[in-house]
Amino acid sequence: MKVQKAALIPNITKPGAIRCAMRAAEILRSGGIEPYVDEGRLAAIKALGGDVKTLPQEELYSGTDMAVVFGGDGTVLAAAKRAAETGTPILGVNFGKVGYITELEESELDELQRICSGDFHIDERMMLDVSVGKNGRRLFFARAFNEAAITRGIVTRLADFTVSCSGSLVGRYRADGLIVATPTGSTAYSMAAGGPVIDPSLEVISVTPVCSHSLEAARTLVFGPGSVIKITVPSAKYAEAVVTVDGRTFFRINDPELAVTLTRSGSKIKLVRLKNSSFGTTLYKKFGVG
């Protein structure tokens, strides 16, 4: 894959990320790659003395061959989901706390020279299509890179959940919620709730209960990539629940007849990899798991 144009996407709330993006622009230009930013970020870059060509926000991903994102996992996650719509690979430079899905630290920025020489590979990650509907009518849709969480609302009582897989009932839960995660998301909210750590090269869907009020229903269920997971909330008639996708997009479940349906998405996240670090090495480095 030859890269001729690269989008630079710094978190503009972090001056360090903007300065790093300006330095990245110099590295890429020296290797024959023209950097671009969207028009909304140009003012922040100019305020620090930078000068980069611009593209409209709606053309930033489709008009470039690769996107370099400067921020934490949240910034990278948001950019990755937009890039997935055009199939644009992304590379993350960490300016957050963990940076599990980022590839480089600020001190490693010179590694960008490898993009200019084509010395990199693409790591594809699965996503989930998440929809909420009733009687054949879809009321909500979003794509999850990490997870979709179906959790009780502000009422303190436990909620009731039913889970089916491809039409067969597989579980009933009384809990604070359920987390349906991709392998990438297994090291995020799902892991914090006691779910398994899953190698991201696999394509499976995990369902982890949050604070389940049952010893028998406290374990994670892992399903194959072709599974259709459907979750209902019978208790929604007296206490609503909330569907939250990747910690950002949400939809209220206030009707027990509403169903949350989750399937493997036809879209994939493409992550640029410059290192040969294994999954286990990255896991230990970021989380101290080994």
Protein backbone atom coordinates (compact mmCIF):
# COMPACT_ATOMS: atom_id res chain seq x y z
CA MET A 1 0.00 0.00 0.00
CA LYS A 2 1.42 3.38 -1.03
CA VAL A 3 0.55 6.40 1.07
CA GLN A 4 0.50 9.76 -0.69
CA LYS A 5 -1.86 11.74 1.55
CA ALA A 6 -2.30 11.43 5.31
CA ALA A 7 -4.93 12.97 7.58
CA LEU A 8 -3.64 14.34 10.90
CA ILE A 9 -6.22 14.26 13.71
CA PRO A 10 -4.92 15.75 16.98
CA ASN A 11 -7.02 16.11 20.11
CA ILE A 12 -7.16 19.91 20.10
CA THR A 13 -7.75 20.04 23.86
CA LYS A 14 -4.17 18.84 24.32
CA PRO A 15 -1.50 21.31 23.12
CA GLY A 16 1.08 18.52 23.23
CA ALA A 17 -0.95 16.53 20.74
CA ILE A 18 -1.13 19.50 18.37
CA ARG A 19 2.64 20.07 18.55
CA CYS A 20 3.19 16.38 17.93
CA ALA A 21 0.94 16.55 14.87
CA MET A 22 3.00 19.49 13.55
CA ARG A 23 6.19 17.47 13.95
CA ALA A 24 4.53 14.48 12.28
CA ALA A 25 3.65 16.73 9.34
CA GLU A 26 7.34 17.55 8.86
CA ILE A 27 8.35 13.88 9.01
CA LEU A 28 5.71 12.85 6.49
CA ARG A 29 6.49 15.70 4.10
CA SER A 30 10.18 14.80 4.14
CA GLY A 31 9.18 11.31 2.98
CA GLY A 32 6.91 12.51 0.18
CA ILE A 33 3.56 12.27 1.98
CA GLU A 34 1.32 15.36 2.06
CA PRO A 35 -0.41 15.89 5.44
CA TYR A 36 -3.92 17.33 5.79
CA VAL A 37 -6.17 18.42 8.64
CA ASP A 38 -9.87 19.19 8.66
CA GLU A 39 -10.86 22.83 8.60
CA GLY A 40 -12.03 22.73 12.22
CA ARG A 41 -8.53 21.89 13.53
CA LEU A 42 -6.62 24.37 11.38
CA ALA A 43 -7.06 27.31 13.79
CA ALA A 44 -5.59 25.31 16.70
CA ILE A 45 -2.58 24.33 14.59
CA LYS A 46 -2.01 27.87 13.28
CA ALA A 47 -2.20 29.21 16.85
CA LEU A 48 0.95 27.19 17.58
CA GLY A 49 2.69 28.27 14.40
CA GLY A 50 1.82 25.29 12.21
CA ASP A 51 0.80 25.29 8.56
CA VAL A 52 -0.96 22.29 7.01
CA LYS A 53 -3.27 21.88 4.03
CA THR A 54 -6.96 21.36 4.80
CA LEU A 55 -9.85 19.23 3.63
CA PRO A 56 -13.52 19.53 4.59
CA GLN A 57 -14.44 17.26 7.51
CA GLU A 58 -16.64 15.10 5.27
CA GLU A 59 -13.72 14.50 2.87
CA LEU A 60 -10.88 14.03 5.37
CA TYR A 61 -10.98 10.22 5.41
CA SER A 62 -12.15 9.56 1.86
CA GLY A 63 -9.61 12.03 0.49
CA THR A 64 -6.56 10.53 2.21
CA ASP A 65 -4.83 7.15 2.29
CA MET A 66 -4.25 6.98 6.03
CA ALA A 67 -5.13 8.86 9.22
CA VAL A 68 -2.73 9.54 12.10
CA VAL A 69 -4.57 10.26 15.35
CA PHE A 70 -2.97 12.03 18.34
CA GLY A 71 -4.79 11.39 21.61
CA GLY A 72 -5.92 8.68 23.99
CA ASP A 73 -7.98 5.59 23.26
CA GLY A 74 -11.18 7.66 23.20
CA THR A 75 -9.85 9.96 20.49
CA VAL A 76 -8.55 7.04 18.46
CA LEU A 77 -11.78 5.09 18.91
CA ALA A 78 -13.93 7.97 17.63
CA ALA A 79 -11.66 8.52 14.63
CA ALA A 80 -11.44 4.80 13.89
CA LYS A 81 -15.20 4.41 13.64
CA ARG A 82 -15.41 7.27 11.15
CA ALA A 83 -12.46 5.90 9.19
CA ALA A 84 -14.14 2.48 9.00
CA GLU A 85 -16.88 4.00 6.85
CA THR A 86 -14.33 4.67 4.08
CA GLY A 87 -11.96 1.79 4.83
CA THR A 88 -9.19 4.25 5.76
CA PRO A 89 -6.41 2.77 7.97
CA ILE A 90 -5.53 4.69 11.12
CA LEU A 91 -2.45 4.94 13.31
CA GLY A 92 -2.72 6.16 16.90
CA VAL A 93 -0.10 8.19 18.78
CA ASN A 94 -0.77 7.98 22.51
CA PHE A 95 -1.57 11.09 24.54
CA GLY A 96 -3.83 9.30 27.02
CA LYS A 97 -3.33 7.15 30.12
CA VAL A 98 -3.31 3.60 28.71
CA GLY A 99 -3.38 3.93 24.94
CA TYR A 100 -4.07 0.25 24.35
CA ILE A 101 -5.17 0.70 20.73
CA THR A 102 -2.56 3.32 19.89
CA GLU A 103 0.64 2.22 18.15
CA LEU A 104 3.19 4.87 19.11
CA GLU A 105 4.20 7.02 22.05
CA GLU A 106 5.26 10.63 21.45
CA SER A 107 8.91 9.60 21.93
CA GLU A 108 8.57 7.13 19.05
CA LEU A 109 7.33 9.61 16.44
CA ASP A 110 10.34 9.09 14.18
CA GLU A 111 8.87 5.65 13.45
CA LEU A 112 6.50 7.47 11.08
CA GLN A 113 9.34 7.42 8.55
CA ARG A 114 8.48 3.76 8.02
CA ILE A 115 5.13 4.79 6.55
CA CYS A 116 6.98 6.74 3.89
CA SER A 117 8.94 3.63 2.90
CA GLY A 118 5.89 1.34 3.07
CA ASP A 119 7.32 -0.61 6.03
CA PHE A 120 4.08 -1.30 7.91
CA HIS A 121 1.16 -3.71 7.98
CA ILE A 122 -2.59 -3.44 8.53
CA ASP A 123 -4.35 -5.13 11.45
CA GLU A 124 -8.10 -5.54 10.86
CA ARG A 125 -10.46 -5.59 13.85
CA MET A 126 -14.11 -6.62 13.94
CA MET A 127 -16.93 -4.31 14.99
CA LEU A 128 -20.48 -4.92 16.18
CA ASP A 129 -23.68 -3.63 14.60
CA VAL A 130 -26.00 -2.61 17.44
CA SER A 131 -29.68 -1.91 16.86
CA VAL A 132 -32.78 -1.44 19.00
CA GLY A 133 -36.19 -2.18 17.59
CA LYS A 134 -39.75 -3.34 18.11
CA ASN A 135 -42.14 -5.19 15.81
CA GLY A 136 -39.72 -5.00 12.89
CA ARG A 137 -39.11 -1.26 13.25
CA ARG A 138 -35.56 -0.12 13.99
CA LEU A 139 -35.38 2.81 16.38
CA PHE A 140 -31.63 3.03 16.98
CA PHE A 141 -28.43 1.93 15.24
CA ALA A 142 -24.72 2.31 16.01
CA ARG A 143 -21.46 0.46 15.45
CA ALA A 144 -19.29 -0.61 18.37
CA PHE A 145 -15.52 -0.97 18.23
CA ASN A 146 -15.21 -1.93 21.90
CA GLU A 147 -18.60 -2.78 23.34
CA ALA A 148 -22.28 -2.14 23.82
CA ALA A 149 -23.41 -2.00 27.45
CA ILE A 150 -27.05 -2.53 28.40
CA THR A 151 -27.32 -1.29 31.97
CA ARG A 152 -29.97 -0.23 34.47
CA GLY A 153 -30.89 3.45 34.58
CA ILE A 154 -30.86 5.77 37.57
CA VAL A 155 -33.14 3.50 39.64
CA THR A 156 -30.97 1.58 42.11
CA ARG A 157 -32.81 -1.75 41.87
CA LEU A 158 -31.36 -4.58 39.76
CA ALA A 159 -32.68 -5.02 36.23
CA ASP A 160 -33.80 -8.23 34.52
CA PHE A 161 -32.26 -9.26 31.20
CA THR A 162 -32.84 -12.14 28.79
CA VAL A 163 -30.23 -13.18 26.22
CA SER A 164 -30.82 -15.29 23.12
CA CYS A 165 -28.38 -16.46 20.49
CA SER A 166 -29.65 -17.00 16.94
CA GLY A 167 -33.18 -17.52 18.23
CA SER A 168 -32.43 -19.77 21.24
CA LEU A 169 -32.68 -18.53 24.83
CA VAL A 170 -29.27 -18.87 26.51
CA GLY A 171 -29.62 -16.91 29.73
CA ARG A 172 -31.68 -14.86 32.16
CA TYR A 173 -29.93 -12.37 34.41
CA ARG A 174 -30.78 -10.13 37.32
CA ALA A 175 -27.88 -7.70 37.33
CA ASP A 176 -26.71 -4.14 36.93
CA GLY A 177 -26.21 -4.82 33.24
CA LEU A 178 -24.64 -6.79 30.43
CA ILE A 179 -21.56 -5.92 28.35
CA VAL A 180 -21.40 -7.26 24.80
CA ALA A 181 -17.83 -6.85 23.60
CA THR A 182 -15.59 -7.40 20.62
CA PRO A 183 -12.16 -8.99 21.20
CA THR A 184 -10.65 -5.49 21.10
CA GLY A 185 -13.18 -4.36 23.71
CA SER A 186 -12.42 -7.34 25.93
CA THR A 187 -9.61 -5.29 27.53
CA ALA A 188 -11.88 -2.32 28.22
CA TYR A 189 -15.13 -2.20 30.24
CA SER A 190 -15.61 -5.95 29.85
CA MET A 191 -12.29 -6.76 31.54
CA ALA A 192 -13.10 -4.38 34.39
CA ALA A 193 -16.33 -6.35 34.94
CA GLY A 194 -14.42 -9.63 35.17
CA GLY A 195 -14.71 -10.70 31.55
CA PRO A 196 -12.00 -12.68 29.72
CA VAL A 197 -9.12 -11.10 27.82
CA ILE A 198 -9.51 -12.20 24.18
CA ASP A 199 -6.85 -12.14 21.47
CA PRO A 200 -8.03 -9.46 18.98
CA SER A 201 -7.08 -11.66 16.02
CA LEU A 202 -10.11 -13.82 16.91
CA GLU A 203 -13.63 -12.95 15.80
CA VAL A 204 -15.98 -13.74 18.68
CA ILE A 205 -18.64 -11.91 20.68
CA SER A 206 -18.55 -12.00 24.49
CA VAL A 207 -21.43 -11.27 26.86
CA THR A 208 -20.40 -10.40 30.43
CA PRO A 209 -22.86 -9.68 33.26
CA VAL A 210 -22.20 -6.72 35.54
CA CYS A 211 -22.76 -7.49 39.25
CA SER A 212 -25.01 -10.47 38.54
CA HIS A 213 -27.22 -11.47 41.50
CA SER A 214 -26.69 -15.18 40.78
CA LEU A 215 -23.67 -17.46 41.09
CA GLU A 216 -24.82 -19.51 38.11
CA ALA A 217 -25.26 -16.49 35.85
CA ALA A 218 -22.06 -14.64 36.74
CA ARG A 219 -19.90 -16.06 33.94
CA THR A 220 -19.13 -14.65 30.53
CA LEU A 221 -20.66 -16.32 27.46
CA VAL A 222 -18.59 -16.31 24.24
CA PHE A 223 -20.29 -16.76 20.87
CA GLY A 224 -19.09 -17.30 17.32
CA PRO A 225 -18.85 -14.47 14.77
CA GLY A 226 -22.02 -15.47 12.92
CA SER A 227 -24.20 -15.29 16.03
CA VAL A 228 -27.20 -13.00 16.34
CA ILE A 229 -27.37 -11.86 19.97
CA LYS A 230 -30.71 -10.48 21.13
CA ILE A 231 -31.25 -8.91 24.57
CA THR A 232 -34.51 -7.80 26.14
CA VAL A 233 -35.17 -6.03 29.45
CA PRO A 234 -38.43 -7.32 31.02
CA SER A 235 -37.98 -4.96 33.99
CA ALA A 236 -38.07 -1.91 31.70
CA LYS A 237 -41.80 -1.62 32.40
CA TYR A 238 -41.00 -0.22 35.86
CA ALA A 239 -37.31 0.82 35.58
CA GLU A 240 -35.70 1.85 32.29
CA ALA A 241 -32.34 0.61 31.07
CA VAL A 242 -29.82 2.30 28.81
CA VAL A 243 -27.87 1.02 25.80
CA THR A 244 -24.47 2.72 25.60
CA VAL A 245 -22.18 2.12 22.63
CA ASP A 246 -18.44 2.67 23.20
CA GLY A 247 -19.23 4.95 26.12
CA ARG A 248 -20.67 7.64 23.87
CA THR A 249 -23.88 6.94 21.96
CA PHE A 250 -26.87 5.85 24.03
CA PHE A 251 -30.55 4.90 23.77
CA ARG A 252 -33.11 4.45 26.57
CA ILE A 253 -34.95 1.14 26.93
CA ASN A 254 -38.28 1.95 28.60
CA ASP A 255 -40.40 -0.76 26.98
CA PRO A 256 -39.99 -4.51 27.73
CA GLU A 257 -40.89 -5.30 24.12
CA LEU A 258 -37.86 -3.43 22.80
CA ALA A 259 -35.01 -5.74 21.74
CA VAL A 260 -31.31 -4.98 21.40
CA THR A 261 -29.81 -6.96 18.52
CA LEU A 262 -26.04 -7.33 18.12
CA THR A 263 -24.19 -8.94 15.20
CA ARG A 264 -20.73 -8.85 13.68
CA SER A 265 -20.51 -5.79 11.45
CA GLY A 266 -19.63 -5.88 7.80
CA SER A 267 -17.28 -2.94 8.47
CA LYS A 268 -13.87 -3.39 10.06
CA ILE A 269 -11.40 -1.09 11.76
CA LYS A 270 -8.01 -1.01 10.02
CA LEU A 271 -5.14 -0.26 12.40
CA VAL A 272 -1.68 0.59 11.07
CA ARG A 273 1.05 -1.42 12.79
CA LEU A 274 4.72 -0.44 12.67
CA LYS A 275 5.95 -2.80 15.37
CA ASN A 276 6.10 -6.57 15.58
CA SER A 277 4.89 -6.70 19.18
CA SER A 278 2.69 -9.69 19.97
CA PHE A 279 -0.71 -9.44 21.65
CA GLY A 280 0.77 -10.80 24.88
CA THR A 281 3.65 -8.32 24.88
CA THR A 282 1.30 -5.37 24.35
CA LEU A 283 -1.04 -6.65 27.03
CA TYR A 284 1.74 -6.94 29.60
CA LYS A 285 3.19 -3.54 28.71
CA LYS A 286 -0.12 -1.69 28.97
CA PHE A 287 -1.82 -3.55 31.81
CA GLY A 288 0.88 -5.55 33.60
CA VAL A 289 -0.95 -8.77 32.75
CA GLY A 290 1.22 -11.81 32.21
